[in-house]
Amino acid sequence: MADFKHIPAKPTLGLGCWAIGGPFTMEGRAVGWGDVDDATSKAAIAVALDHGIAHFDTAQRLWLRAF
């Protein structure tokens, strides 16, 4: 039987960062977010780090195929 007591804990909270990437297109369709202010994005990441967030989700999409 496995001993799970020695497995490090994983973070329970994360920050979704897809919107930080700003606008982009896929197959000619706009699928990203609008204009993004870099200073605001950096401030959000700094606050997350200050509050112990250790997981930053940078996936551009959650589906397995294009629209």
C-alpha atoms as a PDB file:
ATOM      1  CA  MET A   1       0.000   0.000   0.000  1.00  0.00           C
ATOM      2  CA  ALA A   2       1.285   3.472  -0.875  1.00  0.00           C
ATOM      3  CA  ASP A   3       2.352   5.852   1.875  1.00  0.00           C
ATOM      4  CA  PHE A   4       0.816   9.204   0.904  1.00  0.00           C
ATOM      5  CA  LYS A   5       2.106  11.047   3.990  1.00  0.00           C
ATOM      6  CA  HIS A   6       5.366  11.878   2.213  1.00  0.00           C
ATOM      7  CA  ILE A   7       3.838  13.409  -0.908  1.00  0.00           C
ATOM      8  CA  PRO A   8       4.213  17.213  -0.844  1.00  0.00           C
ATOM      9  CA  ALA A   9       0.980  19.157  -0.685  1.00  0.00           C
ATOM     10  CA  LYS A  10      -0.095  20.877  -3.877  1.00  0.00           C
ATOM     11  CA  PRO A  11      -1.449  24.409  -3.898  1.00  0.00           C
ATOM     12  CA  THR A  12      -5.213  24.587  -3.475  1.00  0.00           C
ATOM     13  CA  LEU A  13      -5.622  28.002  -5.072  1.00  0.00           C
ATOM     14  CA  GLY A  14      -4.307  29.284  -8.352  1.00  0.00           C
ATOM     15  CA  LEU A  15      -4.539  32.309 -10.594  1.00  0.00           C
ATOM     16  CA  GLY A  16      -5.974  31.990 -14.090  1.00  0.00           C
ATOM     17  CA  CYS A  17      -3.709  34.043 -16.344  1.00  0.00           C
ATOM     18  CA  TRP A  18      -5.192  33.555 -19.804  1.00  0.00           C
ATOM     19  CA  ALA A  19      -6.549  37.106 -19.898  1.00  0.00           C
ATOM     20  CA  ILE A  20      -3.068  38.500 -19.282  1.00  0.00           C
ATOM     21  CA  GLY A  21      -2.103  37.371 -22.786  1.00  0.00           C
ATOM     22  CA  GLY A  22      -4.367  39.932 -24.409  1.00  0.00           C
ATOM     23  CA  PRO A  23      -5.945  39.667 -27.841  1.00  0.00           C
ATOM     24  CA  PHE A  24      -5.187  36.860 -30.298  1.00  0.00           C
ATOM     25  CA  THR A  25      -6.937  35.028 -33.102  1.00  0.00           C
ATOM     26  CA  MET A  26      -7.447  31.395 -34.029  1.00  0.00           C
ATOM     27  CA  GLU A  27      -8.347  30.491 -37.595  1.00  0.00           C
ATOM     28  CA  GLY A  28      -9.168  34.137 -38.259  1.00  0.00           C
ATOM     29  CA  ARG A  29     -11.525  34.508 -35.276  1.00  0.00           C
ATOM     30  CA  ALA A  30     -10.816  36.698 -32.273  1.00  0.00           C
ATOM     31  CA  VAL A  31     -10.730  34.318 -29.306  1.00  0.00           C
ATOM     32  CA  GLY A  32      -8.503  36.156 -26.833  1.00  0.00           C
ATOM     33  CA  TRP A  33      -9.248  38.965 -24.470  1.00  0.00           C
ATOM     34  CA  GLY A  34      -9.227  42.638 -25.366  1.00  0.00           C
ATOM     35  CA  ASP A  35      -6.383  45.033 -24.727  1.00  0.00           C
ATOM     36  CA  VAL A  36      -4.521  44.272 -21.519  1.00  0.00           C
ATOM     37  CA  ASP A  37      -2.642  46.724 -19.321  1.00  0.00           C
ATOM     38  CA  ASP A  38       0.730  45.184 -18.434  1.00  0.00           C
ATOM     39  CA  ALA A  39       1.025  47.177 -15.189  1.00  0.00           C
ATOM     40  CA  THR A  40      -2.331  45.828 -13.987  1.00  0.00           C
ATOM     41  CA  SER A  41      -1.340  42.283 -14.940  1.00  0.00           C
ATOM     42  CA  LYS A  42       1.975  42.560 -13.070  1.00  0.00           C
ATOM     43  CA  ALA A  43       0.193  44.004 -10.031  1.00  0.00           C
ATOM     44  CA  ALA A  44      -2.268  41.090 -10.014  1.00  0.00           C
ATOM     45  CA  ILE A  45       0.578  38.572 -10.113  1.00  0.00           C
ATOM     46  CA  ALA A  46       2.419  40.412  -7.325  1.00  0.00           C
ATOM     47  CA  VAL A  47      -0.676  40.366  -5.104  1.00  0.00           C
ATOM     48  CA  ALA A  48      -1.180  36.659  -5.815  1.00  0.00           C
ATOM     49  CA  LEU A  49       2.421  35.913  -4.843  1.00  0.00           C
ATOM     50  CA  ASP A  50       2.082  38.041  -1.691  1.00  0.00           C
ATOM     51  CA  HIS A  51      -0.927  35.928  -0.703  1.00  0.00           C
ATOM     52  CA  GLY A  52       0.803  32.602  -1.215  1.00  0.00           C
ATOM     53  CA  ILE A  53      -0.528  31.685  -4.642  1.00  0.00           C
ATOM     54  CA  ALA A  54       1.924  29.260  -6.217  1.00  0.00           C
ATOM     55  CA  HIS A  55      -0.030  27.955  -9.230  1.00  0.00           C
ATOM     56  CA  PHE A  56      -0.426  30.151 -12.309  1.00  0.00           C
ATOM     57  CA  ASP A  57      -2.599  28.643 -15.046  1.00  0.00           C
ATOM     58  CA  THR A  58      -1.423  29.955 -18.412  1.00  0.00           C
ATOM     59  CA  ALA A  59      -3.409  27.628 -20.687  1.00  0.00           C
ATOM     60  CA  GLN A  60      -4.825  29.475 -23.661  1.00  0.00           C
ATOM     61  CA  ARG A  61      -7.934  27.315 -23.742  1.00  0.00           C
ATOM     62  CA  LEU A  62      -9.710  24.577 -21.873  1.00  0.00           C
ATOM     63  CA  TRP A  63     -11.263  22.737 -24.801  1.00  0.00           C
ATOM     64  CA  LEU A  64      -9.630  20.043 -26.893  1.00  0.00           C
ATOM     65  CA  ARG A  65     -10.451  21.381 -30.327  1.00  0.00           C
ATOM     66  CA  ALA A  66     -10.775  24.737 -32.071  1.00  0.00           C
ATOM     67  CA  PHE A  67     -14.157  26.443 -32.332  1.00  0.00           C
END
